[in-house]
């Protein structure tokens, strides 16, 4: 019989893990592949946006003082001396009593200080190439600068537009495109190799036979790793055999990964070999945590590569990832471990075994209450599918009555 081993608190286990995780280096990537990546350096604008004064609408570039007296009953007539399409530019100068038709986004010509919308004139055609009249009637006055987007209105040259550590969003990529940035320097994406273990597991595309189950954790962990910013490398299912487990770890090392994750094989079962191989080939910092589900969580290293061993039951693997693997990957890319947390009230009483419990639940945001989603067994995945949050019951707490406030973690992508 194996001797009793004390369990770490969740907080201490997490601290030990993060103390061994380092920020990764940087790499240049095309802008079109940078969504969701983390900037390794701040970005400064090399020129103004807009880079030149341009029209905010289809209309006529004029001198505002020329139409100061214009009304519907007494319009002002201006001579049309040019036509500027979007993307076009005129070297002409708008003088006294003159105007140029101009399309949205086109550069405002010299001499003009305002744009009058076509709707406020007697010639409203926007058709490219249409014959312009010699004169156009203007029906109302405009202020200087009206309907003109001035140079540098959005961004000035030399201004910081995106800070280091920013997770790039689609709108960020749009701004960088306007600044002519085709590549960005981002934190290198962590390569996270993982494998499942167990003779009972078969791939999801193969039929089941007696005693076999499909491997759910490969799908769960692939999605979780990729969602948090890692590059998931699924190695397959290792048999309950020490040599096979060793070969999987060796393959991961050959791939040059930044983090190793396994599911199952780290408990005290007769066929749990992952923990013993890690102890032989590297170091094992800890392998039991005072939590439920997910007590048999292991942490150490394999030939210098950080290793996290998760339990085999799907809910335990999910919770173990959220509590330990997620913050480790975020540390690698320089992102804080921030979650959407809420204080909510229980609508039912809850019993606990005294460990730090992570329970599947549904938060009702209309009244900030929470209820459990059925049976909390670590193999019951449907109750996790039905949940939009995990609620945390602190260690040493055995029961909580209805109405008690608890902390809830909103599950991402709900």
Protein backbone atom coordinates (compact mmCIF):
# COMPACT_ATOMS: atom_id res chain seq x y z
CA UNK A 1 0.00 0.00 0.00
CA UNK A 2 1.30 3.44 -0.95
CA UNK A 3 1.96 5.71 1.98
CA UNK A 4 -0.28 8.71 2.54
CA UNK A 5 0.75 11.85 0.68
CA UNK A 6 -0.47 15.25 1.82
CA UNK A 7 -2.44 17.30 -0.68
CA UNK A 8 -1.53 20.81 -1.75
CA UNK A 9 -4.06 23.60 -1.71
CA UNK A 10 -5.17 24.83 -5.12
CA UNK A 11 -3.48 28.20 -4.51
CA UNK A 12 -0.14 26.62 -3.60
CA UNK A 13 -0.26 24.19 -6.51
CA UNK A 14 -0.96 27.02 -8.93
CA UNK A 15 1.86 29.12 -7.45
CA UNK A 16 4.33 26.26 -7.86
CA UNK A 17 3.32 25.78 -11.48
CA UNK A 18 3.52 29.43 -12.45
CA UNK A 19 6.90 29.86 -10.76
CA UNK A 20 8.35 27.42 -13.32
CA UNK A 21 6.62 28.90 -16.41
CA UNK A 22 8.51 31.49 -18.46
CA UNK A 23 7.44 34.03 -21.06
CA UNK A 24 8.19 32.79 -24.56
CA UNK A 25 10.16 34.70 -27.21
CA UNK A 26 8.71 36.56 -30.18
CA UNK A 27 8.19 35.96 -33.89
CA UNK A 28 7.08 37.90 -36.97
CA UNK A 29 3.80 36.82 -38.53
CA UNK A 30 1.71 38.11 -41.44
CA UNK A 31 -1.03 40.46 -40.30
CA UNK A 32 -3.71 38.18 -41.75
CA UNK A 33 -2.59 35.45 -39.31
CA UNK A 34 -2.23 37.70 -36.26
CA UNK A 35 -5.80 37.63 -34.91
CA UNK A 36 -5.77 36.58 -31.26
CA UNK A 37 -1.99 36.84 -30.99
CA UNK A 38 -0.19 38.92 -28.35
CA UNK A 39 1.89 41.92 -29.37
CA UNK A 40 5.51 41.63 -28.28
CA UNK A 41 6.22 45.32 -28.92
CA UNK A 42 4.18 48.50 -28.95
CA UNK A 43 3.21 49.86 -32.36
CA UNK A 44 3.54 53.54 -33.29
CA UNK A 45 1.97 55.24 -36.30
CA UNK A 46 4.45 56.19 -39.02
CA UNK A 47 2.03 58.67 -40.62
CA UNK A 48 -1.25 60.45 -39.97
CA UNK A 49 -4.68 58.90 -40.41
CA UNK A 50 -6.28 60.19 -42.50
CA UNK A 51 -3.05 60.97 -44.36
CA UNK A 52 -4.72 63.96 -46.05
CA UNK A 53 -7.91 66.02 -45.59
CA UNK A 54 -10.76 64.14 -47.28
CA UNK A 55 -14.45 64.45 -47.86
CA UNK A 56 -16.82 62.77 -45.42
CA UNK A 57 -19.62 62.60 -48.01
CA UNK A 58 -20.52 63.01 -51.65
CA UNK A 59 -20.83 66.70 -52.41
CA UNK A 60 -19.00 69.79 -53.57
CA UNK A 61 -15.73 71.23 -52.25
CA UNK A 62 -16.24 74.93 -51.80
CA UNK A 63 -15.11 78.04 -49.91
CA UNK A 64 -17.55 78.39 -47.02
CA UNK A 65 -17.66 82.16 -47.31
CA UNK A 66 -19.01 81.84 -50.87
CA UNK A 67 -22.24 80.14 -49.66
CA UNK A 68 -22.71 82.17 -46.46
CA UNK A 69 -25.92 83.75 -47.79
CA UNK A 70 -27.36 80.69 -49.57
CA UNK A 71 -31.02 79.71 -49.00
CA UNK A 72 -33.61 77.66 -50.88
CA UNK A 73 -35.27 80.83 -52.11
CA UNK A 74 -32.05 82.61 -52.92
CA UNK A 75 -29.42 80.00 -53.85
CA UNK A 76 -25.81 80.82 -54.57
CA UNK A 77 -24.46 79.80 -57.98
CA UNK A 78 -20.86 78.51 -58.17
CA UNK A 79 -18.81 77.61 -61.22
CA UNK A 80 -17.85 73.89 -61.39
CA UNK A 81 -14.16 73.55 -62.25
CA UNK A 82 -13.46 69.87 -61.50
CA UNK A 83 -14.65 66.42 -60.51
CA UNK A 84 -12.74 64.38 -57.89
CA UNK A 85 -13.62 60.65 -57.57
CA UNK A 86 -12.79 58.53 -54.52
CA UNK A 87 -9.07 57.81 -54.65
CA UNK A 88 -8.56 60.82 -56.85
CA UNK A 89 -6.70 64.07 -56.33
CA UNK A 90 -6.95 67.42 -58.05
CA UNK A 91 -4.05 69.82 -58.48
CA UNK A 92 -6.52 72.59 -59.15
CA UNK A 93 -7.28 75.30 -56.61
CA UNK A 94 -10.82 76.30 -55.66
CA UNK A 95 -11.03 80.05 -56.05
CA UNK A 96 -13.68 82.65 -55.33
CA UNK A 97 -17.03 81.60 -56.76
CA UNK A 98 -15.79 78.12 -57.73
CA UNK A 99 -16.50 74.54 -56.65
CA UNK A 100 -15.46 70.96 -57.43
CA UNK A 101 -17.68 67.89 -57.21
CA UNK A 102 -16.06 65.44 -54.76
CA UNK A 103 -16.83 61.86 -53.70
CA UNK A 104 -16.57 60.40 -50.19
CA UNK A 105 -12.94 59.76 -49.20
CA UNK A 106 -11.43 61.87 -51.97
CA UNK A 107 -8.74 64.42 -51.11
CA UNK A 108 -10.09 67.93 -50.55
CA UNK A 109 -8.52 70.33 -53.08
CA UNK A 110 -6.52 73.37 -52.09
CA UNK A 111 -8.59 76.50 -51.58
CA UNK A 112 -11.69 74.63 -50.34
CA UNK A 113 -12.49 74.65 -46.63
CA UNK A 114 -15.83 72.80 -46.58
CA UNK A 115 -17.97 70.27 -48.45
CA UNK A 116 -21.65 70.82 -49.22
CA UNK A 117 -23.69 67.58 -49.56
CA UNK A 118 -25.13 66.95 -53.02
CA UNK A 119 -28.61 66.95 -51.45
CA UNK A 120 -28.22 70.68 -50.71
CA UNK A 121 -27.75 71.54 -54.40
CA UNK A 122 -29.71 71.38 -57.63
CA UNK A 123 -27.43 68.73 -59.16
CA UNK A 124 -27.50 65.56 -57.04
CA UNK A 125 -26.05 63.04 -59.48
CA UNK A 126 -23.27 60.81 -58.10
CA UNK A 127 -22.76 58.94 -61.35
CA UNK A 128 -19.10 58.63 -62.30
CA UNK A 129 -18.45 60.29 -65.67
CA UNK A 130 -21.78 62.10 -65.71
CA UNK A 131 -21.64 65.44 -67.54
CA UNK A 132 -21.43 68.22 -64.95
CA UNK A 133 -23.24 71.49 -65.47
CA UNK A 134 -21.23 74.68 -65.79
CA UNK A 135 -22.82 75.96 -62.58
CA UNK A 136 -24.55 74.44 -59.56
CA UNK A 137 -27.05 76.13 -57.23
CA UNK A 138 -26.27 75.82 -53.48
CA UNK A 139 -29.18 76.01 -51.04
CA UNK A 140 -27.63 76.50 -47.60
CA UNK A 141 -24.52 77.81 -45.85
CA UNK A 142 -21.93 75.57 -44.17
CA UNK A 143 -19.29 76.22 -41.53
CA UNK A 144 -15.58 76.01 -42.28
CA UNK A 145 -14.47 72.37 -41.98
CA UNK A 146 -17.97 71.00 -42.56
CA UNK A 147 -17.97 67.40 -43.91
CA UNK A 148 -14.16 67.34 -44.05
CA UNK A 149 -12.13 64.76 -42.17
CA UNK A 150 -8.91 66.61 -41.36
CA UNK A 151 -5.46 65.07 -41.68
CA UNK A 152 -4.57 63.18 -38.48
CA UNK A 153 -8.13 63.28 -37.12
CA UNK A 154 -7.94 59.60 -36.13
CA UNK A 155 -4.22 59.02 -35.57
CA UNK A 156 -1.21 61.34 -35.56
CA UNK A 157 2.23 60.32 -36.80
CA UNK A 158 4.39 59.07 -33.91
CA UNK A 159 1.39 58.24 -31.71
CA UNK A 160 1.27 54.87 -29.93
CA UNK A 161 -1.69 53.00 -31.36
CA UNK A 162 -1.34 49.54 -29.77
CA UNK A 163 0.53 48.66 -26.59
CA UNK A 164 2.76 45.72 -25.82
CA UNK A 165 0.83 42.71 -24.50
CA UNK A 166 -2.34 43.50 -26.42
CA UNK A 167 -4.37 40.59 -27.75
CA UNK A 168 -5.03 41.53 -31.35
CA UNK A 169 -8.68 41.79 -32.39
CA UNK A 170 -10.17 42.14 -35.89
CA UNK A 171 -10.55 45.91 -35.48
CA UNK A 172 -6.89 46.16 -34.43
CA UNK A 173 -5.88 44.39 -37.63
CA UNK A 174 -7.98 46.89 -39.58
CA UNK A 175 -6.17 49.84 -38.02
CA UNK A 176 -2.78 48.24 -38.68
CA UNK A 177 -3.82 47.67 -42.28
CA UNK A 178 -4.60 51.37 -42.66
CA UNK A 179 -1.12 52.07 -41.34
CA UNK A 180 0.41 49.79 -43.97
CA UNK A 181 1.57 47.19 -41.45
CA UNK A 182 1.79 43.85 -43.26
CA UNK A 183 3.60 41.95 -40.46
CA UNK A 184 3.63 42.23 -36.68
CA UNK A 185 5.93 40.95 -33.95
CA UNK A 186 3.98 38.79 -31.54
CA UNK A 187 4.77 36.48 -28.64
CA UNK A 188 5.52 33.02 -29.96
CA UNK A 189 2.52 30.73 -29.75
CA UNK A 190 3.07 27.97 -27.15
CA UNK A 191 3.33 24.50 -28.67
CA UNK A 192 1.38 22.29 -26.28
CA UNK A 193 1.67 18.54 -26.85
CA UNK A 194 -0.83 16.31 -25.11
CA UNK A 195 -1.95 12.72 -25.11
CA UNK A 196 -4.57 10.56 -23.47
CA UNK A 197 -3.79 7.25 -21.80
CA UNK A 198 -5.83 4.12 -21.26
CA UNK A 199 -6.42 0.79 -22.94
CA UNK A 200 -10.16 1.47 -22.72
CA UNK A 201 -9.98 4.47 -25.08
CA UNK A 202 -10.65 4.32 -28.81
CA UNK A 203 -10.66 7.19 -31.35
CA UNK A 204 -14.02 8.85 -31.94
CA UNK A 205 -14.22 7.61 -35.54
CA UNK A 206 -13.91 3.94 -34.57
CA UNK A 207 -16.77 1.71 -33.36
CA UNK A 208 -16.94 0.68 -29.73
CA UNK A 209 -16.42 -2.86 -28.56
CA UNK A 210 -16.98 -4.42 -25.13
CA UNK A 211 -15.25 -2.45 -22.38
CA UNK A 212 -14.22 0.43 -24.65
CA UNK A 213 -15.19 4.13 -24.63
CA UNK A 214 -14.47 6.99 -27.00
CA UNK A 215 -11.69 9.43 -26.09
CA UNK A 216 -13.47 12.68 -25.20
CA UNK A 217 -10.47 14.45 -23.68
CA UNK A 218 -8.65 14.78 -27.00
CA UNK A 219 -11.48 16.97 -28.31
CA UNK A 220 -11.87 18.91 -25.07
CA UNK A 221 -8.18 19.69 -24.63
CA UNK A 222 -7.58 20.55 -28.29
CA UNK A 223 -10.33 23.16 -28.15
CA UNK A 224 -9.27 24.55 -24.76
CA UNK A 225 -5.59 24.85 -25.72
CA UNK A 226 -6.37 26.61 -28.98
CA UNK A 227 -8.95 28.93 -27.41
CA UNK A 228 -6.54 30.18 -24.78
CA UNK A 229 -3.83 30.94 -27.34
CA UNK A 230 -1.78 27.76 -27.59
CA UNK A 231 -1.03 25.51 -30.55
CA UNK A 232 -2.50 22.12 -29.65
CA UNK A 233 -0.55 19.06 -30.81
CA UNK A 234 -2.51 15.89 -30.04
CA UNK A 235 -0.16 12.88 -30.02
CA UNK A 236 -2.83 10.19 -29.70
CA UNK A 237 -3.76 7.63 -27.06
CA UNK A 238 -1.00 5.83 -25.18
CA UNK A 239 -1.59 2.29 -24.00
CA UNK A 240 -1.39 1.35 -20.35
CA UNK A 241 2.21 0.36 -20.85
CA UNK A 242 5.31 2.07 -19.48
CA UNK A 243 7.26 1.76 -22.73
CA UNK A 244 4.40 3.26 -24.75
CA UNK A 245 4.02 6.18 -22.35
CA UNK A 246 7.76 6.77 -22.56
CA UNK A 247 7.58 6.81 -26.38
CA UNK A 248 4.85 9.47 -26.32
CA UNK A 249 6.90 11.71 -24.05
CA UNK A 250 9.93 11.20 -26.26
CA UNK A 251 7.94 12.18 -29.35
CA UNK A 252 6.80 15.37 -27.68
CA UNK A 253 10.38 16.25 -26.80
CA UNK A 254 11.44 15.70 -30.41
CA UNK A 255 8.78 18.16 -31.54
CA UNK A 256 10.35 20.90 -29.42
CA UNK A 257 7.19 21.66 -27.47
CA UNK A 258 6.87 24.24 -24.72
CA UNK A 259 4.43 22.34 -22.50
CA UNK A 260 3.46 18.68 -22.03
CA UNK A 261 -0.04 17.69 -20.91
CA UNK A 262 -1.49 14.23 -20.36
CA UNK A 263 -4.89 13.02 -19.29
CA UNK A 264 -5.09 9.98 -16.99
CA UNK A 265 -2.19 7.87 -15.80
CA UNK A 266 -1.17 10.05 -12.84
CA UNK A 267 -3.22 8.44 -10.06
CA UNK A 268 -2.47 5.35 -7.98
CA UNK A 269 -3.94 2.71 -10.27
CA UNK A 270 -1.99 -0.43 -11.10
CA UNK A 271 -1.75 0.69 -14.74
CA UNK A 272 -1.08 4.41 -14.21
CA UNK A 273 2.41 4.78 -15.71
CA UNK A 274 2.67 8.45 -16.62
CA UNK A 275 3.63 9.57 -13.13
CA UNK A 276 6.30 6.87 -12.75
CA UNK A 277 7.92 7.73 -16.11
CA UNK A 278 8.02 11.43 -15.20
CA UNK A 279 9.66 10.54 -11.88
CA UNK A 280 12.27 8.41 -13.68
CA UNK A 281 13.04 10.78 -16.55
CA UNK A 282 12.52 14.17 -14.94
CA UNK A 283 11.13 15.58 -11.74
CA UNK A 284 7.73 15.41 -10.10
CA UNK A 285 6.88 18.44 -7.99
CA UNK A 286 3.45 17.27 -6.81
CA UNK A 287 0.64 14.94 -7.87
CA UNK A 288 -2.31 15.52 -5.55
CA UNK A 289 -4.31 18.71 -4.97
CA UNK A 290 -7.04 19.34 -2.41
CA UNK A 291 -9.82 19.89 -4.96
CA UNK A 292 -12.85 18.23 -6.48
CA UNK A 293 -13.06 17.19 -9.22
CA UNK A 294 -9.45 16.70 -10.24
CA UNK A 295 -7.52 15.64 -7.13
CA UNK A 296 -4.87 13.58 -9.03
CA UNK A 297 -3.25 16.55 -10.83
CA UNK A 298 0.49 16.18 -11.35
CA UNK A 299 3.16 18.76 -12.11
CA UNK A 300 6.83 18.40 -12.89
CA UNK A 301 9.08 18.33 -15.92
CA UNK A 302 10.23 15.85 -18.54
CA UNK A 303 13.80 16.57 -19.68
CA UNK A 304 13.26 20.23 -18.81
CA UNK A 305 9.84 20.56 -20.45
CA UNK A 306 7.09 21.59 -18.00
CA UNK A 307 4.60 18.75 -17.55
CA UNK A 308 1.02 18.84 -16.28
CA UNK A 309 -0.84 15.57 -15.76
CA UNK A 310 -4.62 15.85 -15.65
CA UNK A 311 -7.10 13.24 -14.45
CA UNK A 312 -8.77 11.01 -17.00
CA UNK A 313 -12.44 11.72 -16.27
CA UNK A 314 -13.60 14.38 -18.76
CA UNK A 315 -14.99 16.87 -16.22
CA UNK A 316 -11.88 16.50 -14.03
CA UNK A 317 -9.68 17.12 -17.07
CA UNK A 318 -11.72 20.20 -18.00
CA UNK A 319 -11.61 21.67 -14.50
CA UNK A 320 -7.90 20.84 -14.12
CA UNK A 321 -7.21 22.67 -17.38
CA UNK A 322 -9.17 25.75 -16.31
CA UNK A 323 -7.52 25.92 -12.90
CA UNK A 324 -3.90 25.07 -13.84
CA UNK A 325 -3.15 24.69 -17.55
CA UNK A 326 -4.98 27.81 -18.69
CA UNK A 327 -2.99 30.18 -16.43
CA UNK A 328 0.26 28.41 -17.42
CA UNK A 329 -0.36 29.03 -21.12
CA UNK A 330 -1.37 32.63 -20.42
CA UNK A 331 1.88 33.12 -18.48
CA UNK A 332 3.82 31.85 -21.52
CA UNK A 333 2.27 34.49 -23.79
CA UNK A 334 2.44 37.30 -21.24
CA UNK A 335 -1.28 37.57 -20.55
CA UNK A 336 -2.81 37.93 -17.08
CA UNK A 337 -4.99 35.13 -15.77
CA UNK A 338 -8.17 37.16 -15.74
CA UNK A 339 -11.63 35.64 -15.60
CA UNK A 340 -15.15 36.94 -15.58
CA UNK A 341 -16.05 36.35 -11.94
CA UNK A 342 -19.30 37.12 -10.15
CA UNK A 343 -20.82 36.86 -6.72
CA UNK A 344 -24.10 35.00 -6.97
CA UNK A 345 -26.63 33.52 -4.53
CA UNK A 346 -27.40 29.84 -4.23
CA UNK A 347 -31.03 28.90 -4.88
CA UNK A 348 -30.46 25.56 -3.16
CA UNK A 349 -28.39 24.22 -0.31
CA UNK A 350 -25.12 22.49 -1.19
CA UNK A 351 -23.17 19.76 0.58
CA UNK A 352 -19.40 19.44 0.10
CA UNK A 353 -16.70 16.96 1.10
CA UNK A 354 -14.45 19.71 2.48
CA UNK A 355 -12.19 19.95 -0.55
CA UNK A 356 -12.16 23.04 -2.77
CA UNK A 357 -15.09 22.19 -5.05
CA UNK A 358 -15.67 23.38 -8.61
CA UNK A 359 -19.32 22.69 -9.37
CA UNK A 360 -21.13 22.92 -12.70
CA UNK A 361 -23.92 25.46 -12.54
CA UNK A 362 -26.17 27.90 -14.37
CA UNK A 363 -26.14 31.57 -13.38
CA UNK A 364 -29.36 33.52 -13.91
CA UNK A 365 -28.08 37.01 -14.64
CA UNK A 366 -31.55 38.55 -14.29
CA UNK A 367 -31.40 38.10 -10.51
CA UNK A 368 -27.79 36.93 -9.92
CA UNK A 369 -28.73 33.53 -8.61
CA UNK A 370 -27.19 30.15 -9.40
CA UNK A 371 -28.27 26.52 -9.43
CA UNK A 372 -26.40 23.29 -10.08
CA UNK A 373 -26.80 21.44 -13.38
CA UNK A 374 -27.61 18.01 -12.06
CA UNK A 375 -25.29 15.23 -10.96
CA UNK A 376 -21.74 16.39 -10.27
CA UNK A 377 -19.93 13.12 -10.98
CA UNK A 378 -16.61 13.69 -12.74
CA UNK A 379 -17.57 11.42 -15.61
CA UNK A 380 -20.91 13.13 -16.27
CA UNK A 381 -20.07 15.50 -19.11
CA UNK A 382 -23.63 16.54 -19.95
CA UNK A 383 -23.94 18.58 -16.75
CA UNK A 384 -20.88 20.55 -17.91
CA UNK A 385 -22.46 21.06 -21.34
CA UNK A 386 -25.54 22.51 -19.62
CA UNK A 387 -23.49 24.84 -17.41
CA UNK A 388 -22.54 28.44 -18.08
CA UNK A 389 -20.37 28.73 -14.97
CA UNK A 390 -18.34 26.94 -12.34
CA UNK A 391 -19.06 27.87 -8.74
CA UNK A 392 -16.30 27.53 -6.17
CA UNK A 393 -16.92 26.11 -2.70
CA UNK A 394 -13.86 26.87 -0.51
CA UNK A 395 -11.96 24.08 1.21
CA UNK A 396 -13.04 23.08 4.73
CA UNK A 397 -16.64 24.11 3.94
CA UNK A 398 -18.98 21.15 4.34
CA UNK A 399 -22.36 22.76 3.63
CA UNK A 400 -23.88 26.02 2.41
CA UNK A 401 -27.56 26.95 2.83
CA UNK A 402 -29.68 28.45 0.08
CA UNK A 403 -29.12 32.21 -0.21
CA UNK A 404 -25.37 32.00 0.47
CA UNK A 405 -23.19 34.08 -1.85
CA UNK A 406 -20.53 32.14 -3.76
CA UNK A 407 -17.99 32.97 -6.44
CA UNK A 408 -18.86 31.95 -10.00
CA UNK A 409 -16.49 31.72 -12.98
CA UNK A 410 -18.25 32.37 -16.24
CA UNK A 411 -17.30 29.69 -18.73
CA UNK A 412 -15.95 31.20 -21.92
CA UNK A 413 -17.69 30.53 -25.23
CA UNK A 414 -20.98 29.78 -23.48
